[in-house]
Amino acid sequence: MNPSHHPSHALIPSPGELEDLLELESTSTHYGVFDHSLLGPLSEFLSAGGKKFRSELIEIGFLYGGGKLNVSQANRIQIASQIIEAIHAGSMIIDDIQDQSEIRRDKPTLHRKYGLALALNAGNWLYFQALQLIEKLELDSAQELKLRRYFNKIFLRAHFGQAVDVGTPMPLLPQSQVQSVCFTSMELKTGALMALAFDLGTYLAQTDQLPIPDGTRFARNFGIALQMFDDIGNFYSPPPKGKEDIRNGRPSFIWAVAAQIANEADYARFIHAAQMLPNESFIISWAELFNLKSEAKTRASQYLWNTLEKGRFGANLQDRVESLLIKLENSYV
């Protein structure tokens, strides 16, 4: 496999770029080793693609910040999309390891196919690759320092969110705290990355401001809504991916909805049904009895459209943002 010819080659250094990066006299003779142990598996993982919500938020953020598209700025937006893609892809690999997931986008997870050590290194490499790509934005030193500090803050927030995600046993949590914990996890992880995408776009518009509060709030809440729909999709997917968060006792929008619509006794039955997984019969019966799918989708849609405050984006950009919200809803039918 030659990563330089792969559809996801933008995140994968070419032999020449690798030579400059590693400063080895004989890099070319070792490229096959790097391809086997890092670049090839990553190219394969990245080829699965995605829904491109983060890339669209970068462009919307750019226009919201008053940016004017030209060839140079379009190139910077493309690099910004690669940066966010690298962070997101790295987080998915690490998530899959921590969740012991078997499937990602209908394919074996990286750690299942190539082993834990290789996958862990690959996920971490993507975080550093994202930071390396900041240089390609060609900002002045003060702007780059400001951006790197902001990235570090978001990384810290996201890892606090991951701590909540992997360290909170949902079945043991008091029912009154379930919704708050689930929203904390969604805000610090998916919400934080979506806000970063939007803010990166506004920064490239040369507003020299990080963040723009109203736009950041929209992007963060859009990310929370995306996670809601993703959690609903996970719950209703077939095994082994389906109900993974519930089976592992991890925060999920499904836990939050169940805690809201059920009384104490019925919520206890939900917990019992979750603990019976992978036997799905109990939790499916509970979900049907309480119309869980409809309740969850209604609440997710309400939250999504509440992110769009009237007049925030102006007439032209408003239409594009509404199209993005519709795209999200239709992606998780």
Protein backbone atom coordinates (compact mmCIF):
# COMPACT_ATOMS: atom_id res chain seq x y z
CA MET A 1 0.00 0.00 0.00
CA ASN A 2 1.34 3.45 -0.94
CA PRO A 3 -0.29 6.07 1.31
CA SER A 4 0.72 8.91 -1.01
CA HIS A 5 -1.78 7.52 -3.55
CA HIS A 6 -4.50 6.81 -1.02
CA PRO A 7 -7.74 8.86 -0.90
CA SER A 8 -6.86 9.97 2.62
CA HIS A 9 -3.30 10.93 1.72
CA ALA A 10 -3.74 14.53 2.96
CA LEU A 11 -3.12 13.44 6.54
CA ILE A 12 -0.38 10.99 5.62
CA PRO A 13 3.11 12.39 4.95
CA SER A 14 4.67 11.52 1.60
CA PRO A 15 8.14 9.95 1.51
CA GLY A 16 9.65 13.39 0.93
CA GLU A 17 7.71 14.97 3.80
CA LEU A 18 8.65 12.09 6.04
CA GLU A 19 12.31 12.54 5.18
CA ASP A 20 12.15 16.22 6.16
CA LEU A 21 10.26 15.42 9.35
CA LEU A 22 12.42 12.57 10.65
CA GLU A 23 15.77 13.88 9.41
CA LEU A 24 17.08 10.36 8.85
CA GLU A 25 19.73 9.78 6.24
CA SER A 26 18.07 6.60 5.06
CA THR A 27 14.36 7.40 5.44
CA SER A 28 13.48 6.08 2.00
CA THR A 29 14.76 2.61 2.82
CA HIS A 30 12.53 2.51 5.90
CA TYR A 31 9.34 3.89 4.34
CA GLY A 32 7.94 0.39 3.98
CA VAL A 33 8.43 -0.15 7.72
CA PHE A 34 6.54 3.06 8.54
CA ASP A 35 3.86 2.11 6.04
CA HIS A 36 3.38 -1.27 7.70
CA SER A 37 3.43 -0.06 11.29
CA LEU A 38 1.59 3.28 11.08
CA LEU A 39 0.82 4.98 7.77
CA GLY A 40 -0.82 2.07 5.95
CA PRO A 41 -3.25 1.14 8.75
CA LEU A 42 -4.09 4.82 9.20
CA SER A 43 -4.76 5.27 5.48
CA GLU A 44 -7.10 2.31 5.62
CA PHE A 45 -8.87 3.70 8.69
CA LEU A 46 -9.23 7.20 7.24
CA SER A 47 -10.61 5.92 3.94
CA ALA A 48 -13.95 5.18 5.60
CA GLY A 49 -14.75 8.89 5.43
CA GLY A 50 -17.55 10.53 7.38
CA LYS A 51 -20.45 12.95 7.22
CA LYS A 52 -18.18 16.04 7.08
CA PHE A 53 -20.14 18.03 9.67
CA ARG A 54 -16.92 19.42 11.15
CA SER A 55 -15.63 20.62 7.80
CA GLU A 56 -18.91 22.40 7.16
CA LEU A 57 -18.69 24.10 10.54
CA ILE A 58 -15.24 25.40 9.66
CA GLU A 59 -16.62 27.02 6.50
CA ILE A 60 -19.66 28.41 8.34
CA GLY A 61 -17.38 29.79 11.05
CA PHE A 62 -15.21 31.40 8.39
CA LEU A 63 -18.19 33.15 6.80
CA TYR A 64 -19.64 34.05 10.20
CA GLY A 65 -16.35 35.75 11.04
CA GLY A 66 -16.59 37.91 7.91
CA GLY A 67 -14.11 35.94 5.83
CA LYS A 68 -13.91 36.37 2.07
CA LEU A 69 -13.12 33.29 0.04
CA ASN A 70 -10.16 33.35 -2.32
CA VAL A 71 -7.66 30.73 -3.45
CA SER A 72 -5.36 31.27 -0.46
CA GLN A 73 -8.16 31.15 2.10
CA ALA A 74 -9.75 28.11 0.47
CA ASN A 75 -6.43 26.30 0.87
CA ARG A 76 -6.25 27.26 4.55
CA ILE A 77 -9.82 26.05 5.10
CA GLN A 78 -8.85 22.72 3.53
CA ILE A 79 -5.87 22.45 5.88
CA ALA A 80 -8.12 23.37 8.83
CA SER A 81 -10.47 20.53 7.83
CA GLN A 82 -7.52 18.12 7.82
CA ILE A 83 -6.54 19.30 11.30
CA ILE A 84 -10.02 18.68 12.70
CA GLU A 85 -10.26 15.36 10.86
CA ALA A 86 -7.00 14.22 12.43
CA ILE A 87 -8.21 15.09 15.94
CA HIS A 88 -11.56 13.39 15.38
CA ALA A 89 -10.00 10.26 13.85
CA GLY A 90 -7.49 9.99 16.68
CA SER A 91 -10.25 10.28 19.26
CA MET A 92 -12.27 7.54 17.55
CA ILE A 93 -9.32 5.15 17.63
CA ILE A 94 -8.70 5.83 21.32
CA ASP A 95 -12.43 5.60 22.10
CA ASP A 96 -12.62 2.22 20.39
CA ILE A 97 -9.72 0.94 22.48
CA GLN A 98 -11.23 2.16 25.75
CA ASP A 99 -14.69 0.86 24.84
CA GLN A 100 -13.26 -2.44 23.59
CA SER A 101 -15.28 -1.91 20.42
CA GLU A 102 -15.20 -4.51 17.69
CA ILE A 103 -16.71 -2.50 14.82
CA ARG A 104 -16.25 1.03 13.50
CA ARG A 105 -18.20 2.08 10.38
CA ASP A 106 -18.97 -1.54 9.54
CA LYS A 107 -15.29 -2.56 9.62
CA PRO A 108 -13.12 -4.10 12.36
CA THR A 109 -11.70 -1.46 14.68
CA LEU A 110 -8.04 -0.65 14.28
CA HIS A 111 -7.00 -2.35 17.52
CA ARG A 112 -8.94 -5.51 16.61
CA LYS A 113 -7.26 -5.76 13.23
CA TYR A 114 -3.74 -4.59 14.03
CA GLY A 115 -3.39 -4.95 17.79
CA LEU A 116 -3.64 -2.62 20.76
CA ALA A 117 -0.09 -1.26 20.64
CA LEU A 118 -0.19 -0.22 16.99
CA ALA A 119 -3.68 1.30 17.29
CA LEU A 120 -2.80 3.27 20.43
CA ASN A 121 0.29 4.70 18.76
CA ALA A 122 -1.70 5.56 15.62
CA GLY A 123 -4.40 7.37 17.56
CA ASN A 124 -1.85 9.41 19.48
CA TRP A 125 0.08 10.14 16.27
CA LEU A 126 -3.02 11.75 14.77
CA TYR A 127 -3.23 14.23 17.66
CA PHE A 128 0.34 15.33 17.05
CA GLN A 129 -0.17 15.38 13.30
CA ALA A 130 -3.05 17.81 13.84
CA LEU A 131 -0.75 20.15 15.75
CA GLN A 132 1.97 19.76 13.11
CA LEU A 133 -0.46 20.84 10.39
CA ILE A 134 -1.04 24.18 12.13
CA GLU A 135 2.27 25.30 10.61
CA LYS A 136 0.74 24.97 7.13
CA LEU A 137 -1.81 27.67 7.97
CA GLU A 138 1.08 30.14 7.70
CA LEU A 139 -0.02 32.36 10.57
CA ASP A 140 2.32 34.88 12.11
CA SER A 141 4.03 33.78 15.31
CA ALA A 142 1.62 35.59 17.64
CA GLN A 143 -1.45 34.17 15.87
CA GLU A 144 0.00 30.66 15.84
CA LEU A 145 0.82 30.80 19.55
CA LYS A 146 -2.69 31.96 20.34
CA LEU A 147 -4.19 29.17 18.25
CA ARG A 148 -1.96 26.49 19.78
CA ARG A 149 -2.93 27.61 23.28
CA TYR A 150 -6.58 27.39 22.34
CA PHE A 151 -6.09 23.90 20.90
CA ASN A 152 -4.44 22.80 24.13
CA LYS A 153 -7.39 24.10 26.15
CA ILE A 154 -9.84 22.16 23.97
CA PHE A 155 -7.71 19.00 24.22
CA LEU A 156 -7.78 19.28 28.00
CA ARG A 157 -11.54 19.76 28.03
CA ALA A 158 -12.06 16.78 25.75
CA HIS A 159 -9.95 14.55 27.98
CA PHE A 160 -11.92 15.64 31.03
CA GLY A 161 -14.99 14.61 29.05
CA GLN A 162 -13.40 11.27 28.27
CA ALA A 163 -12.65 10.83 31.97
CA VAL A 164 -16.37 11.25 32.66
CA ASP A 165 -17.16 8.87 29.84
CA VAL A 166 -14.89 6.00 30.88
CA GLY A 167 -14.97 6.56 34.65
CA THR A 168 -18.64 7.00 35.47
CA PRO A 169 -20.59 3.78 36.08
CA MET A 170 -24.04 4.89 34.95
CA PRO A 171 -26.00 2.08 36.65
CA LEU A 172 -24.67 3.27 40.04
CA LEU A 173 -25.43 6.95 39.46
CA PRO A 174 -28.47 8.46 41.25
CA GLN A 175 -31.29 8.98 38.77
CA SER A 176 -31.35 12.72 39.51
CA GLN A 177 -27.74 13.08 38.31
CA VAL A 178 -27.94 11.02 35.12
CA GLN A 179 -28.96 13.76 32.70
CA SER A 180 -26.37 16.22 34.01
CA VAL A 181 -23.53 13.70 33.73
CA CYS A 182 -24.54 12.67 30.21
CA PHE A 183 -24.70 16.28 29.05
CA THR A 184 -21.32 17.01 30.65
CA SER A 185 -19.77 14.18 28.66
CA MET A 186 -21.39 15.32 25.40
CA GLU A 187 -20.44 18.96 25.92
CA LEU A 188 -16.80 18.31 26.76
CA LYS A 189 -16.22 15.81 23.94
CA THR A 190 -18.33 16.18 20.80
CA GLY A 191 -19.44 19.68 21.73
CA ALA A 192 -15.87 20.85 22.32
CA LEU A 193 -14.58 19.49 19.00
CA MET A 194 -17.45 21.06 17.05
CA ALA A 195 -16.78 24.39 18.76
CA LEU A 196 -13.11 24.06 17.85
CA ALA A 197 -14.01 23.51 14.19
CA PHE A 198 -16.22 26.59 14.12
CA ASP A 199 -13.72 28.75 16.02
CA LEU A 200 -10.90 27.68 13.72
CA GLY A 201 -12.98 28.92 10.80
CA THR A 202 -13.64 32.28 12.42
CA TYR A 203 -9.95 32.63 13.25
CA LEU A 204 -8.97 32.05 9.63
CA ALA A 205 -11.31 34.88 8.71
CA GLN A 206 -8.70 37.01 10.51
CA THR A 207 -11.05 38.24 13.17
CA ASP A 208 -8.16 37.59 15.60
CA GLN A 209 -10.67 36.57 18.23
CA LEU A 210 -10.93 33.16 19.94
CA PRO A 211 -13.70 32.37 20.49
CA ILE A 212 -16.69 34.38 19.19
CA PRO A 213 -19.10 33.50 22.03
CA ASP A 214 -22.44 33.27 20.17
CA GLY A 215 -21.02 31.23 17.31
CA THR A 216 -19.08 28.97 19.66
CA ARG A 217 -22.23 28.32 21.68
CA PHE A 218 -24.11 27.32 18.54
CA ALA A 219 -21.35 24.96 17.39
CA ARG A 220 -20.97 23.38 20.83
CA ASN A 221 -24.71 22.77 21.11
CA PHE A 222 -24.80 21.45 17.55
CA GLY A 223 -22.15 18.95 18.62
CA ILE A 224 -24.24 17.92 21.61
CA ALA A 225 -27.23 17.38 19.31
CA LEU A 226 -25.09 15.31 16.94
CA GLN A 227 -24.04 13.10 19.84
CA MET A 228 -27.68 12.68 20.84
CA PHE A 229 -28.57 11.38 17.40
CA ASP A 230 -25.44 9.22 17.31
CA ASP A 231 -26.34 7.67 20.68
CA ILE A 232 -29.85 6.91 19.43
CA GLY A 233 -28.36 5.29 16.34
CA ASN A 234 -25.99 3.24 18.50
CA PHE A 235 -28.83 1.98 20.67
CA TYR A 236 -30.84 0.78 17.68
CA SER A 237 -27.93 -0.66 15.69
CA PRO A 238 -27.40 -4.43 15.46
CA PRO A 239 -24.75 -6.22 17.56
CA PRO A 240 -21.89 -6.02 18.26
CA LYS A 241 -21.91 -2.20 17.99
CA GLY A 242 -25.52 -1.75 19.00
CA LYS A 243 -26.17 -0.72 22.63
CA GLU A 244 -22.43 -0.66 23.29
CA ASP A 245 -22.61 2.39 25.57
CA ILE A 246 -25.51 0.93 27.52
CA ARG A 247 -23.80 -2.45 27.84
CA ASN A 248 -20.60 -0.81 29.08
CA GLY A 249 -22.44 1.50 31.47
CA ARG A 250 -21.06 4.60 29.72
CA PRO A 251 -22.82 8.00 29.53
CA SER A 252 -25.23 8.16 26.61
CA PHE A 253 -28.23 10.26 25.63
CA ILE A 254 -30.29 7.09 25.99
CA TRP A 255 -29.48 6.96 29.71
CA ALA A 256 -30.52 10.61 30.01
CA VAL A 257 -33.85 10.07 28.25
CA ALA A 258 -34.63 6.93 30.24
CA ALA A 259 -33.93 8.76 33.51
CA GLN A 260 -36.25 11.59 32.44
CA ILE A 261 -39.27 9.60 31.24
CA ALA A 262 -39.34 6.87 33.90
CA ASN A 263 -40.21 6.93 37.57
CA GLU A 264 -37.82 5.48 40.11
CA ALA A 265 -39.10 1.91 39.87
CA ASP A 266 -39.23 1.89 36.07
CA TYR A 267 -35.76 3.41 35.81
CA ALA A 268 -34.49 0.63 38.08
CA ARG A 269 -35.98 -1.81 35.59
CA PHE A 270 -34.10 -0.06 32.79
CA ILE A 271 -30.85 -0.51 34.70
CA HIS A 272 -31.64 -4.19 35.22
CA ALA A 273 -32.39 -4.59 31.51
CA ALA A 274 -29.08 -2.90 30.64
CA GLN A 275 -27.21 -5.29 32.91
CA MET A 276 -28.82 -8.24 31.12
CA LEU A 277 -27.11 -7.31 27.85
CA PRO A 278 -26.07 -8.83 25.47
CA ASN A 279 -29.48 -10.44 25.98
CA GLU A 280 -31.50 -7.64 24.36
CA SER A 281 -35.01 -8.90 25.01
CA PHE A 282 -35.43 -7.09 28.34
CA ILE A 283 -34.20 -3.68 27.18
CA ILE A 284 -36.09 -3.88 23.88
CA SER A 285 -39.30 -4.58 25.78
CA TRP A 286 -38.60 -1.63 28.10
CA ALA A 287 -37.89 0.65 25.12
CA GLU A 288 -41.11 -0.34 23.39
CA LEU A 289 -43.18 0.09 26.55
CA PHE A 290 -41.90 3.64 27.08
CA ASN A 291 -41.77 4.60 23.38
CA LEU A 292 -38.08 5.33 23.88
CA LYS A 293 -37.14 5.82 20.23
CA SER A 294 -39.79 8.44 19.58
CA GLU A 295 -39.09 10.21 22.88
CA ALA A 296 -35.35 10.33 22.22
CA LYS A 297 -35.67 11.56 18.63
CA THR A 298 -38.19 14.23 19.58
CA ARG A 299 -35.97 15.54 22.35
CA ALA A 300 -32.87 15.45 20.14
CA SER A 301 -34.64 17.34 17.35
CA GLN A 302 -35.95 19.94 19.77
CA TYR A 303 -32.46 20.46 21.16
CA LEU A 304 -30.98 20.67 17.65
CA TRP A 305 -33.36 23.35 16.41
CA ASN A 306 -33.10 25.31 19.64
CA THR A 307 -29.44 25.89 18.73
CA LEU A 308 -30.57 28.15 15.88
CA GLU A 309 -31.39 31.51 17.40
CA LYS A 310 -33.31 33.76 15.03
CA GLY A 311 -31.22 36.38 13.29
CA ARG A 312 -27.85 35.15 14.55
CA PHE A 313 -26.35 34.30 11.17
CA GLY A 314 -27.99 36.73 8.76
CA ALA A 315 -30.23 35.76 5.85
CA ASN A 316 -27.66 34.17 3.52
CA LEU A 317 -25.78 32.17 6.14
CA GLN A 318 -29.01 31.24 7.94
CA ASP A 319 -30.11 29.12 4.99
CA ARG A 320 -26.83 27.23 5.00
CA VAL A 321 -27.01 26.58 8.73
CA GLU A 322 -30.59 25.34 8.45
CA SER A 323 -29.48 22.97 5.68
CA LEU A 324 -26.78 21.65 8.01
CA LEU A 325 -29.35 20.96 10.73
CA ILE A 326 -31.60 19.17 8.26
CA LYS A 327 -28.64 17.12 7.05
CA LEU A 328 -27.94 16.04 10.64
CA GLU A 329 -31.54 14.97 11.23
CA ASN A 330 -31.67 13.04 7.95
CA SER A 331 -28.36 11.30 8.67
CA TYR A 332 -29.87 9.49 11.63
CA VAL A 333 -33.35 8.50 10.46
